[in-house]
Amino acid sequence: MVSHIVMWSFREEMTAEEKTEAAKKMKEGLEGLMGKIPGMLSCQVYIDVLPSSTHDLVLTSTFESEEALKGYQTHPEHMKVKTYVHTVVSKRSCMDFPM
């Protein structure tokens, strides 16, 4: 199994309301990939972060294998979500590791 964790920060020029709406849309889109991506075992997006956080939201997901993770990264359904994400975020951090 492989764990895939991604953290994002929204564009600074966005209002608090825009960030809230973007977070909800990202959560819905990413979690909606469950059952559509072969080899995806879990997917959760956390949007209620503490003030001590350095990012605005985080995705934690697991995949059957590194090959399944690679398939996810180019899957057409993921690419639709990714296209939106690129319009609202300014910073992305990622960590992938075997479990």
PDB file of N, CA and C in Angstrom:
ATOM      1  N   MET A   1       0.834  -1.182   0.000  1.00  0.00           N
ATOM      2  CA  MET A   1       0.000   0.000   0.000  1.00  0.00           C
ATOM      3  C   MET A   1       0.882   1.250   0.000  1.00  0.00           C
ATOM      4  N   VAL A   2       0.289   2.311  -0.529  1.00  0.00           N
ATOM      5  CA  VAL A   2       0.989   3.588  -0.627  1.00  0.00           C
ATOM      6  C   VAL A   2       0.093   4.684  -0.049  1.00  0.00           C
ATOM      7  N   SER A   3       0.685   5.552   0.747  1.00  0.00           N
ATOM      8  CA  SER A   3      -0.030   6.710   1.278  1.00  0.00           C
ATOM      9  C   SER A   3       0.330   7.935   0.448  1.00  0.00           C
ATOM     10  N   HIS A   4      -0.673   8.751   0.152  1.00  0.00           N
ATOM     11  CA  HIS A   4      -0.511   9.972  -0.658  1.00  0.00           C
ATOM     12  C   HIS A   4      -1.136  11.110   0.151  1.00  0.00           C
ATOM     13  N   ILE A   5      -0.304  12.043   0.593  1.00  0.00           N
ATOM     14  CA  ILE A   5      -0.775  13.172   1.389  1.00  0.00           C
ATOM     15  C   ILE A   5      -0.411  14.460   0.655  1.00  0.00           C
ATOM     16  N   VAL A   6      -1.399  15.332   0.489  1.00  0.00           N
ATOM     17  CA  VAL A   6      -1.176  16.602  -0.199  1.00  0.00           C
ATOM     18  C   VAL A   6      -1.779  17.719   0.645  1.00  0.00           C
ATOM     19  N   MET A   7      -1.024  18.806   0.801  1.00  0.00           N
ATOM     20  CA  MET A   7      -1.506  19.997   1.498  1.00  0.00           C
ATOM     21  C   MET A   7      -1.481  21.171   0.532  1.00  0.00           C
ATOM     22  N   TRP A   8      -2.509  22.009   0.614  1.00  0.00           N
ATOM     23  CA  TRP A   8      -2.589  23.177  -0.259  1.00  0.00           C
ATOM     24  C   TRP A   8      -2.821  24.447   0.549  1.00  0.00           C
ATOM     25  N   SER A   9      -2.392  25.563  -0.012  1.00  0.00           N
ATOM     26  CA  SER A   9      -2.713  26.895   0.501  1.00  0.00           C
ATOM     27  C   SER A   9      -3.414  27.644  -0.615  1.00  0.00           C
ATOM     28  N   PHE A  10      -4.472  28.354  -0.237  1.00  0.00           N
ATOM     29  CA  PHE A  10      -5.214  29.127  -1.233  1.00  0.00           C
ATOM     30  C   PHE A  10      -4.471  30.402  -1.601  1.00  0.00           C
ATOM     31  N   ARG A  11      -4.843  30.957  -2.728  1.00  0.00           N
ATOM     32  CA  ARG A  11      -4.270  32.225  -3.179  1.00  0.00           C
ATOM     33  C   ARG A  11      -4.584  33.304  -2.134  1.00  0.00           C
ATOM     34  N   GLU A  12      -3.589  34.115  -1.826  1.00  0.00           N
ATOM     35  CA  GLU A  12      -3.743  35.126  -0.783  1.00  0.00           C
ATOM     36  C   GLU A  12      -4.807  36.164  -1.107  1.00  0.00           C
ATOM     37  N   GLU A  13      -5.026  36.440  -2.374  1.00  0.00           N
ATOM     38  CA  GLU A  13      -5.993  37.474  -2.749  1.00  0.00           C
ATOM     39  C   GLU A  13      -7.448  37.023  -2.598  1.00  0.00           C
ATOM     40  N   MET A  14      -7.660  35.748  -2.300  1.00  0.00           N
ATOM     41  CA  MET A  14      -9.016  35.250  -2.115  1.00  0.00           C
ATOM     42  C   MET A  14      -9.587  35.724  -0.784  1.00  0.00           C
ATOM     43  N   THR A  15     -10.882  36.015  -0.755  1.00  0.00           N
ATOM     44  CA  THR A  15     -11.555  36.380   0.486  1.00  0.00           C
ATOM     45  C   THR A  15     -11.781  35.123   1.319  1.00  0.00           C
ATOM     46  N   ALA A  16     -12.113  35.322   2.582  1.00  0.00           N
ATOM     47  CA  ALA A  16     -12.402  34.185   3.459  1.00  0.00           C
ATOM     48  C   ALA A  16     -13.576  33.377   2.911  1.00  0.00           C
ATOM     49  N   GLU A  17     -14.575  34.066   2.388  1.00  0.00           N
ATOM     50  CA  GLU A  17     -15.741  33.376   1.817  1.00  0.00           C
ATOM     51  C   GLU A  17     -15.345  32.557   0.589  1.00  0.00           C
ATOM     52  N   GLU A  18     -14.511  33.117  -0.273  1.00  0.00           N
ATOM     53  CA  GLU A  18     -14.047  32.391  -1.462  1.00  0.00           C
ATOM     54  C   GLU A  18     -13.236  31.156  -1.068  1.00  0.00           C
ATOM     55  N   LYS A  19     -12.418  31.289  -0.034  1.00  0.00           N
ATOM     56  CA  LYS A  19     -11.623  30.152   0.442  1.00  0.00           C
ATOM     57  C   LYS A  19     -12.524  29.053   0.994  1.00  0.00           C
ATOM     58  N   THR A  20     -13.543  29.442   1.732  1.00  0.00           N
ATOM     59  CA  THR A  20     -14.482  28.455   2.285  1.00  0.00           C
ATOM     60  C   THR A  20     -15.182  27.698   1.171  1.00  0.00           C
ATOM     61  N   GLU A  21     -15.647  28.414   0.167  1.00  0.00           N
ATOM     62  CA  GLU A  21     -16.333  27.772  -0.962  1.00  0.00           C
ATOM     63  C   GLU A  21     -15.386  26.881  -1.753  1.00  0.00           C
ATOM     64  N   ALA A  22     -14.153  27.354  -1.965  1.00  0.00           N
ATOM     65  CA  ALA A  22     -13.167  26.556  -2.700  1.00  0.00           C
ATOM     66  C   ALA A  22     -12.833  25.274  -1.934  1.00  0.00           C
ATOM     67  N   ALA A  23     -12.699  25.378  -0.613  1.00  0.00           N
ATOM     68  CA  ALA A  23     -12.397  24.206   0.202  1.00  0.00           C
ATOM     69  C   ALA A  23     -13.517  23.169   0.088  1.00  0.00           C
ATOM     70  N   LYS A  24     -14.757  23.621   0.163  1.00  0.00           N
ATOM     71  CA  LYS A  24     -15.898  22.707   0.032  1.00  0.00           C
ATOM     72  C   LYS A  24     -15.900  22.038  -1.342  1.00  0.00           C
ATOM     73  N   LYS A  25     -15.625  22.808  -2.386  1.00  0.00           N
ATOM     74  CA  LYS A  25     -15.629  22.260  -3.742  1.00  0.00           C
ATOM     75  C   LYS A  25     -14.490  21.247  -3.925  1.00  0.00           C
ATOM     76  N   MET A  26     -13.316  21.562  -3.392  1.00  0.00           N
ATOM     77  CA  MET A  26     -12.193  20.630  -3.490  1.00  0.00           C
ATOM     78  C   MET A  26     -12.488  19.343  -2.726  1.00  0.00           C
ATOM     79  N   LYS A  27     -13.041  19.471  -1.523  1.00  0.00           N
ATOM     80  CA  LYS A  27     -13.379  18.297  -0.710  1.00  0.00           C
ATOM     81  C   LYS A  27     -14.372  17.414  -1.461  1.00  0.00           C
ATOM     82  N   GLU A  28     -15.407  18.013  -1.977  1.00  0.00           N
ATOM     83  CA  GLU A  28     -16.425  17.265  -2.709  1.00  0.00           C
ATOM     84  C   GLU A  28     -15.830  16.572  -3.937  1.00  0.00           C
ATOM     85  N   GLY A  29     -15.017  17.304  -4.676  1.00  0.00           N
ATOM     86  CA  GLY A  29     -14.425  16.749  -5.895  1.00  0.00           C
ATOM     87  C   GLY A  29     -13.447  15.623  -5.624  1.00  0.00           C
ATOM     88  N   LEU A  30     -12.553  15.824  -4.666  1.00  0.00           N
ATOM     89  CA  LEU A  30     -11.543  14.808  -4.372  1.00  0.00           C
ATOM     90  C   LEU A  30     -12.158  13.573  -3.719  1.00  0.00           C
ATOM     91  N   GLU A  31     -13.011  13.774  -2.729  1.00  0.00           N
ATOM     92  CA  GLU A  31     -13.632  12.612  -2.082  1.00  0.00           C
ATOM     93  C   GLU A  31     -14.586  11.895  -3.039  1.00  0.00           C
ATOM     94  N   GLY A  32     -15.104  12.620  -4.019  1.00  0.00           N
ATOM     95  CA  GLY A  32     -15.975  12.025  -5.027  1.00  0.00           C
ATOM     96  C   GLY A  32     -15.255  11.087  -5.980  1.00  0.00           C
ATOM     97  N   LEU A  33     -13.936  11.046  -5.896  1.00  0.00           N
ATOM     98  CA  LEU A  33     -13.160  10.148  -6.761  1.00  0.00           C
ATOM     99  C   LEU A  33     -13.180   8.702  -6.260  1.00  0.00           C
ATOM    100  N   MET A  34     -13.564   8.508  -4.983  1.00  0.00           N
ATOM    101  CA  MET A  34     -13.649   7.142  -4.453  1.00  0.00           C
ATOM    102  C   MET A  34     -14.631   6.334  -5.300  1.00  0.00           C
ATOM    103  N   GLY A  35     -14.209   5.150  -5.679  1.00  0.00           N
ATOM    104  CA  GLY A  35     -15.041   4.284  -6.508  1.00  0.00           C
ATOM    105  C   GLY A  35     -14.863   4.531  -7.996  1.00  0.00           C
ATOM    106  N   LYS A  36     -14.175   5.592  -8.344  1.00  0.00           N
ATOM    107  CA  LYS A  36     -13.932   5.917  -9.754  1.00  0.00           C
ATOM    108  C   LYS A  36     -12.489   5.650 -10.167  1.00  0.00           C
ATOM    109  N   ILE A  37     -11.592   5.595  -9.203  1.00  0.00           N
ATOM    110  CA  ILE A  37     -10.160   5.430  -9.475  1.00  0.00           C
ATOM    111  C   ILE A  37      -9.746   4.018  -9.081  1.00  0.00           C
ATOM    112  N   PRO A  38      -9.319   3.206 -10.040  1.00  0.00           N
ATOM    113  CA  PRO A  38      -8.865   1.850  -9.706  1.00  0.00           C
ATOM    114  C   PRO A  38      -7.705   1.881  -8.703  1.00  0.00           C
ATOM    115  N   GLY A  39      -7.807   1.074  -7.678  1.00  0.00           N
ATOM    116  CA  GLY A  39      -6.726   0.959  -6.699  1.00  0.00           C
ATOM    117  C   GLY A  39      -6.761   2.000  -5.592  1.00  0.00           C
ATOM    118  N   MET A  40      -7.707   2.947  -5.629  1.00  0.00           N
ATOM    119  CA  MET A  40      -7.823   3.928  -4.540  1.00  0.00           C
ATOM    120  C   MET A  40      -8.585   3.254  -3.398  1.00  0.00           C
ATOM    121  N   LEU A  41      -7.949   3.188  -2.224  1.00  0.00           N
ATOM    122  CA  LEU A  41      -8.538   2.505  -1.078  1.00  0.00           C
ATOM    123  C   LEU A  41      -9.233   3.454  -0.109  1.00  0.00           C
ATOM    124  N   SER A  42      -8.721   4.669   0.007  1.00  0.00           N
ATOM    125  CA  SER A  42      -9.334   5.659   0.891  1.00  0.00           C
ATOM    126  C   SER A  42      -9.000   7.057   0.394  1.00  0.00           C
ATOM    127  N   CYS A  43      -9.851   8.001   0.781  1.00  0.00           N
ATOM    128  CA  CYS A  43      -9.645   9.390   0.374  1.00  0.00           C
ATOM    129  C   CYS A  43     -10.424  10.289   1.325  1.00  0.00           C
ATOM    130  N   GLN A  44      -9.712  11.147   2.046  1.00  0.00           N
ATOM    131  CA  GLN A  44     -10.349  12.095   2.943  1.00  0.00           C
ATOM    132  C   GLN A  44      -9.691  13.458   2.781  1.00  0.00           C
ATOM    133  N   VAL A  45     -10.527  14.498   2.779  1.00  0.00           N
ATOM    134  CA  VAL A  45     -10.033  15.866   2.716  1.00  0.00           C
ATOM    135  C   VAL A  45     -10.478  16.572   3.992  1.00  0.00           C
ATOM    136  N   TYR A  46      -9.530  17.200   4.669  1.00  0.00           N
ATOM    137  CA  TYR A  46      -9.812  17.924   5.902  1.00  0.00           C
ATOM    138  C   TYR A  46      -9.735  19.419   5.621  1.00  0.00           C
ATOM    139  N   ILE A  47     -10.829  20.121   5.945  1.00  0.00           N
ATOM    140  CA  ILE A  47     -10.890  21.556   5.648  1.00  0.00           C
ATOM    141  C   ILE A  47     -11.021  22.413   6.907  1.00  0.00           C
ATOM    142  N   ASP A  48     -11.300  21.792   8.038  1.00  0.00           N
ATOM    143  CA  ASP A  48     -11.417  22.522   9.303  1.00  0.00           C
ATOM    144  C   ASP A  48     -10.086  22.422  10.041  1.00  0.00           C
ATOM    145  N   VAL A  49      -9.169  23.314   9.702  1.00  0.00           N
ATOM    146  CA  VAL A  49      -7.820  23.247  10.268  1.00  0.00           C
ATOM    147  C   VAL A  49      -7.686  24.229  11.436  1.00  0.00           C
ATOM    148  N   LEU A  50      -6.767  23.940  12.313  1.00  0.00           N
ATOM    149  CA  LEU A  50      -6.485  24.823  13.445  1.00  0.00           C
ATOM    150  C   LEU A  50      -5.664  26.025  12.992  1.00  0.00           C
ATOM    151  N   PRO A  51      -5.738  27.128  13.726  1.00  0.00           N
ATOM    152  CA  PRO A  51      -4.975  28.334  13.350  1.00  0.00           C
ATOM    153  C   PRO A  51      -3.463  28.108  13.275  1.00  0.00           C
ATOM    154  N   SER A  52      -2.955  27.096  13.945  1.00  0.00           N
ATOM    155  CA  SER A  52      -1.520  26.802  13.919  1.00  0.00           C
ATOM    156  C   SER A  52      -1.070  26.162  12.602  1.00  0.00           C
ATOM    157  N   SER A  53      -2.021  25.820  11.738  1.00  0.00           N
ATOM    158  CA  SER A  53      -1.695  25.145  10.475  1.00  0.00           C
ATOM    159  C   SER A  53      -1.002  26.095   9.498  1.00  0.00           C
ATOM    160  N   THR A  54      -0.158  25.529   8.663  1.00  0.00           N
ATOM    161  CA  THR A  54       0.541  26.322   7.651  1.00  0.00           C
ATOM    162  C   THR A  54      -0.061  26.152   6.261  1.00  0.00           C
ATOM    163  N   HIS A  55      -1.103  25.335   6.142  1.00  0.00           N
ATOM    164  CA  HIS A  55      -1.823  25.134   4.886  1.00  0.00           C
ATOM    165  C   HIS A  55      -3.321  25.213   5.171  1.00  0.00           C
ATOM    166  N   ASP A  56      -4.108  25.360   4.121  1.00  0.00           N
ATOM    167  CA  ASP A  56      -5.548  25.549   4.280  1.00  0.00           C
ATOM    168  C   ASP A  56      -6.357  24.254   4.273  1.00  0.00           C
ATOM    169  N   LEU A  57      -5.879  23.230   3.603  1.00  0.00           N
ATOM    170  CA  LEU A  57      -6.568  21.942   3.598  1.00  0.00           C
ATOM    171  C   LEU A  57      -5.592  20.836   3.254  1.00  0.00           C
ATOM    172  N   VAL A  58      -5.998  19.597   3.590  1.00  0.00           N
ATOM    173  CA  VAL A  58      -5.116  18.456   3.370  1.00  0.00           C
ATOM    174  C   VAL A  58      -5.920  17.271   2.852  1.00  0.00           C
ATOM    175  N   LEU A  59      -5.314  16.538   1.948  1.00  0.00           N
ATOM    176  CA  LEU A  59      -5.849  15.287   1.415  1.00  0.00           C
ATOM    177  C   LEU A  59      -5.004  14.156   1.972  1.00  0.00           C
ATOM    178  N   THR A  60      -5.660  13.143   2.533  1.00  0.00           N
ATOM    179  CA  THR A  60      -4.967  11.909   2.894  1.00  0.00           C
ATOM    180  C   THR A  60      -5.653  10.791   2.125  1.00  0.00           C
ATOM    181  N   SER A  61      -4.859  10.023   1.409  1.00  0.00           N
ATOM    182  CA  SER A  61      -5.421   8.933   0.614  1.00  0.00           C
ATOM    183  C   SER A  61      -4.461   7.759   0.603  1.00  0.00           C
ATOM    184  N   THR A  62      -5.023   6.581   0.333  1.00  0.00           N
ATOM    185  CA  THR A  62      -4.195   5.386   0.216  1.00  0.00           C
ATOM    186  C   THR A  62      -4.547   4.658  -1.072  1.00  0.00           C
ATOM    187  N   PHE A  63      -3.536   3.999  -1.600  1.00  0.00           N
ATOM    188  CA  PHE A  63      -3.665   3.265  -2.859  1.00  0.00           C
ATOM    189  C   PHE A  63      -3.083   1.876  -2.687  1.00  0.00           C
ATOM    190  N   GLU A  64      -3.580   0.955  -3.492  1.00  0.00           N
ATOM    191  CA  GLU A  64      -3.105  -0.435  -3.434  1.00  0.00           C
ATOM    192  C   GLU A  64      -1.609  -0.545  -3.696  1.00  0.00           C
ATOM    193  N   SER A  65      -1.102   0.331  -4.588  1.00  0.00           N
ATOM    194  CA  SER A  65       0.287   0.219  -5.017  1.00  0.00           C
ATOM    195  C   SER A  65       0.757   1.542  -5.609  1.00  0.00           C
ATOM    196  N   GLU A  66       2.047   1.609  -5.862  1.00  0.00           N
ATOM    197  CA  GLU A  66       2.604   2.790  -6.520  1.00  0.00           C
ATOM    198  C   GLU A  66       2.034   2.931  -7.931  1.00  0.00           C
ATOM    199  N   GLU A  67       1.771   1.816  -8.588  1.00  0.00           N
ATOM    200  CA  GLU A  67       1.181   1.846  -9.930  1.00  0.00           C
ATOM    201  C   GLU A  67      -0.233   2.437  -9.887  1.00  0.00           C
ATOM    202  N   ALA A  68      -0.998   2.091  -8.848  1.00  0.00           N
ATOM    203  CA  ALA A  68      -2.345   2.648  -8.694  1.00  0.00           C
ATOM    204  C   ALA A  68      -2.272   4.156  -8.463  1.00  0.00           C
ATOM    205  N   LEU A  69      -1.293   4.618  -7.675  1.00  0.00           N
ATOM    206  CA  LEU A  69      -1.098   6.057  -7.449  1.00  0.00           C
ATOM    207  C   LEU A  69      -0.765   6.757  -8.762  1.00  0.00           C
ATOM    208  N   LYS A  70       0.105   6.150  -9.549  1.00  0.00           N
ATOM    209  CA  LYS A  70       0.457   6.737 -10.854  1.00  0.00           C
ATOM    210  C   LYS A  70      -0.768   6.808 -11.758  1.00  0.00           C
ATOM    211  N   GLY A  71      -1.617   5.791 -11.720  1.00  0.00           N
ATOM    212  CA  GLY A  71      -2.840   5.797 -12.515  1.00  0.00           C
ATOM    213  C   GLY A  71      -3.793   6.903 -12.080  1.00  0.00           C
ATOM    214  N   TYR A  72      -3.884   7.125 -10.791  1.00  0.00           N
ATOM    215  CA  TYR A  72      -4.719   8.196 -10.227  1.00  0.00           C
ATOM    216  C   TYR A  72      -4.270   9.556 -10.738  1.00  0.00           C
ATOM    217  N   GLN A  73      -2.964   9.757 -10.760  1.00  0.00           N
ATOM    218  CA  GLN A  73      -2.421  11.060 -11.121  1.00  0.00           C
ATOM    219  C   GLN A  73      -2.788  11.484 -12.538  1.00  0.00           C
ATOM    220  N   THR A  74      -3.040  10.525 -13.421  1.00  0.00           N
ATOM    221  CA  THR A  74      -3.382  10.861 -14.811  1.00  0.00           C
ATOM    222  C   THR A  74      -4.812  10.470 -15.184  1.00  0.00           C
ATOM    223  N   HIS A  75      -5.577   9.966 -14.229  1.00  0.00           N
ATOM    224  CA  HIS A  75      -6.951   9.544 -14.505  1.00  0.00           C
ATOM    225  C   HIS A  75      -7.797  10.762 -14.906  1.00  0.00           C
ATOM    226  N   PRO A  76      -8.632  10.639 -15.939  1.00  0.00           N
ATOM    227  CA  PRO A  76      -9.436  11.775 -16.414  1.00  0.00           C
ATOM    228  C   PRO A  76     -10.313  12.409 -15.331  1.00  0.00           C
ATOM    229  N   GLU A  77     -10.870  11.618 -14.425  1.00  0.00           N
ATOM    230  CA  GLU A  77     -11.708  12.180 -13.358  1.00  0.00           C
ATOM    231  C   GLU A  77     -10.869  13.021 -12.394  1.00  0.00           C
ATOM    232  N   HIS A  78      -9.662  12.543 -12.085  1.00  0.00           N
ATOM    233  CA  HIS A  78      -8.761  13.318 -11.225  1.00  0.00           C
ATOM    234  C   HIS A  78      -8.320  14.595 -11.934  1.00  0.00           C
ATOM    235  N   MET A  79      -8.072  14.505 -13.211  1.00  0.00           N
ATOM    236  CA  MET A  79      -7.621  15.681 -13.964  1.00  0.00           C
ATOM    237  C   MET A  79      -8.681  16.783 -13.951  1.00  0.00           C
ATOM    238  N   LYS A  80      -9.952  16.432 -13.949  1.00  0.00           N
ATOM    239  CA  LYS A  80     -11.028  17.438 -13.866  1.00  0.00           C
ATOM    240  C   LYS A  80     -10.933  18.210 -12.553  1.00  0.00           C
ATOM    241  N   VAL A  81     -10.734  17.481 -11.454  1.00  0.00           N
ATOM    242  CA  VAL A  81     -10.616  18.124 -10.145  1.00  0.00           C
ATOM    243  C   VAL A  81      -9.338  18.956 -10.094  1.00  0.00           C
ATOM    244  N   LYS A  82      -8.262  18.396 -10.589  1.00  0.00           N
ATOM    245  CA  LYS A  82      -6.961  19.063 -10.565  1.00  0.00           C
ATOM    246  C   LYS A  82      -7.007  20.389 -11.335  1.00  0.00           C
ATOM    247  N   THR A  83      -7.739  20.421 -12.427  1.00  0.00           N
ATOM    248  CA  THR A  83      -7.865  21.654 -13.213  1.00  0.00           C
ATOM    249  C   THR A  83      -8.473  22.755 -12.348  1.00  0.00           C
ATOM    250  N   TYR A  84      -9.517  22.433 -11.595  1.00  0.00           N
ATOM    251  CA  TYR A  84     -10.116  23.427 -10.697  1.00  0.00           C
ATOM    252  C   TYR A  84      -9.133  23.827  -9.598  1.00  0.00           C
ATOM    253  N   VAL A  85      -8.495  22.858  -8.975  1.00  0.00           N
ATOM    254  CA  VAL A  85      -7.572  23.128  -7.868  1.00  0.00           C
ATOM    255  C   VAL A  85      -6.524  24.158  -8.284  1.00  0.00           C
ATOM    256  N   HIS A  86      -5.999  24.025  -9.483  1.00  0.00           N
ATOM    257  CA  HIS A  86      -4.959  24.947  -9.956  1.00  0.00           C
ATOM    258  C   HIS A  86      -5.448  26.390 -10.057  1.00  0.00           C
ATOM    259  N   THR A  87      -6.753  26.601 -10.118  1.00  0.00           N
ATOM    260  CA  THR A  87      -7.277  27.967 -10.221  1.00  0.00           C
ATOM    261  C   THR A  87      -7.380  28.660  -8.868  1.00  0.00           C
ATOM    262  N   VAL A  88      -7.317  27.901  -7.758  1.00  0.00           N
ATOM    263  CA  VAL A  88      -7.533  28.503  -6.442  1.00  0.00           C
ATOM    264  C   VAL A  88      -6.366  28.369  -5.469  1.00  0.00           C
ATOM    265  N   VAL A  89      -5.378  27.561  -5.792  1.00  0.00           N
ATOM    266  CA  VAL A  89      -4.263  27.381  -4.850  1.00  0.00           C
ATOM    267  C   VAL A  89      -2.992  28.069  -5.326  1.00  0.00           C
ATOM    268  N   SER A  90      -2.162  28.405  -4.350  1.00  0.00           N
ATOM    269  CA  SER A  90      -0.883  29.035  -4.668  1.00  0.00           C
ATOM    270  C   SER A  90       0.297  28.173  -4.241  1.00  0.00           C
ATOM    271  N   LYS A  91       0.034  27.226  -3.350  1.00  0.00           N
ATOM    272  CA  LYS A  91       1.112  26.402  -2.796  1.00  0.00           C
ATOM    273  C   LYS A  91       0.610  24.985  -2.591  1.00  0.00           C
ATOM    274  N   ARG A  92       1.469  24.016  -2.932  1.00  0.00           N
ATOM    275  CA  ARG A  92       1.143  22.604  -2.784  1.00  0.00           C
ATOM    276  C   ARG A  92       2.352  21.874  -2.221  1.00  0.00           C
ATOM    277  N   SER A  93       2.104  21.027  -1.223  1.00  0.00           N
ATOM    278  CA  SER A  93       3.148  20.160  -0.678  1.00  0.00           C
ATOM    279  C   SER A  93       2.619  18.731  -0.726  1.00  0.00           C
ATOM    280  N   CYS A  94       3.487  17.785  -1.073  1.00  0.00           N
ATOM    281  CA  CYS A  94       3.052  16.397  -1.253  1.00  0.00           C
ATOM    282  C   CYS A  94       4.062  15.458  -0.627  1.00  0.00           C
ATOM    283  N   MET A  95       3.532  14.355  -0.072  1.00  0.00           N
ATOM    284  CA  MET A  95       4.383  13.290   0.453  1.00  0.00           C
ATOM    285  C   MET A  95       3.727  11.975   0.084  1.00  0.00           C
ATOM    286  N   ASP A  96       4.477  11.097  -0.591  1.00  0.00           N
ATOM    287  CA  ASP A  96       4.035   9.751  -0.942  1.00  0.00           C
ATOM    288  C   ASP A  96       5.007   8.771  -0.277  1.00  0.00           C
ATOM    289  N   PHE A  97       4.456   7.715   0.322  1.00  0.00           N
ATOM    290  CA  PHE A  97       5.343   6.745   0.955  1.00  0.00           C
ATOM    291  C   PHE A  97       4.668   5.388   1.081  1.00  0.00           C
ATOM    292  N   PRO A  98       5.475   4.312   1.057  1.00  0.00           N
ATOM    293  CA  PRO A  98       4.900   2.967   1.221  1.00  0.00           C
ATOM    294  C   PRO A  98       4.471   2.761   2.662  1.00  0.00           C
ATOM    295  N   MET A  99       3.448   1.950   2.818  1.00  0.00           N
ATOM    296  CA  MET A  99       2.943   1.659   4.173  1.00  0.00           C
ATOM    297  C   MET A  99       3.222   0.210   4.525  1.00  0.00           C
TER     298      MET A  99
END
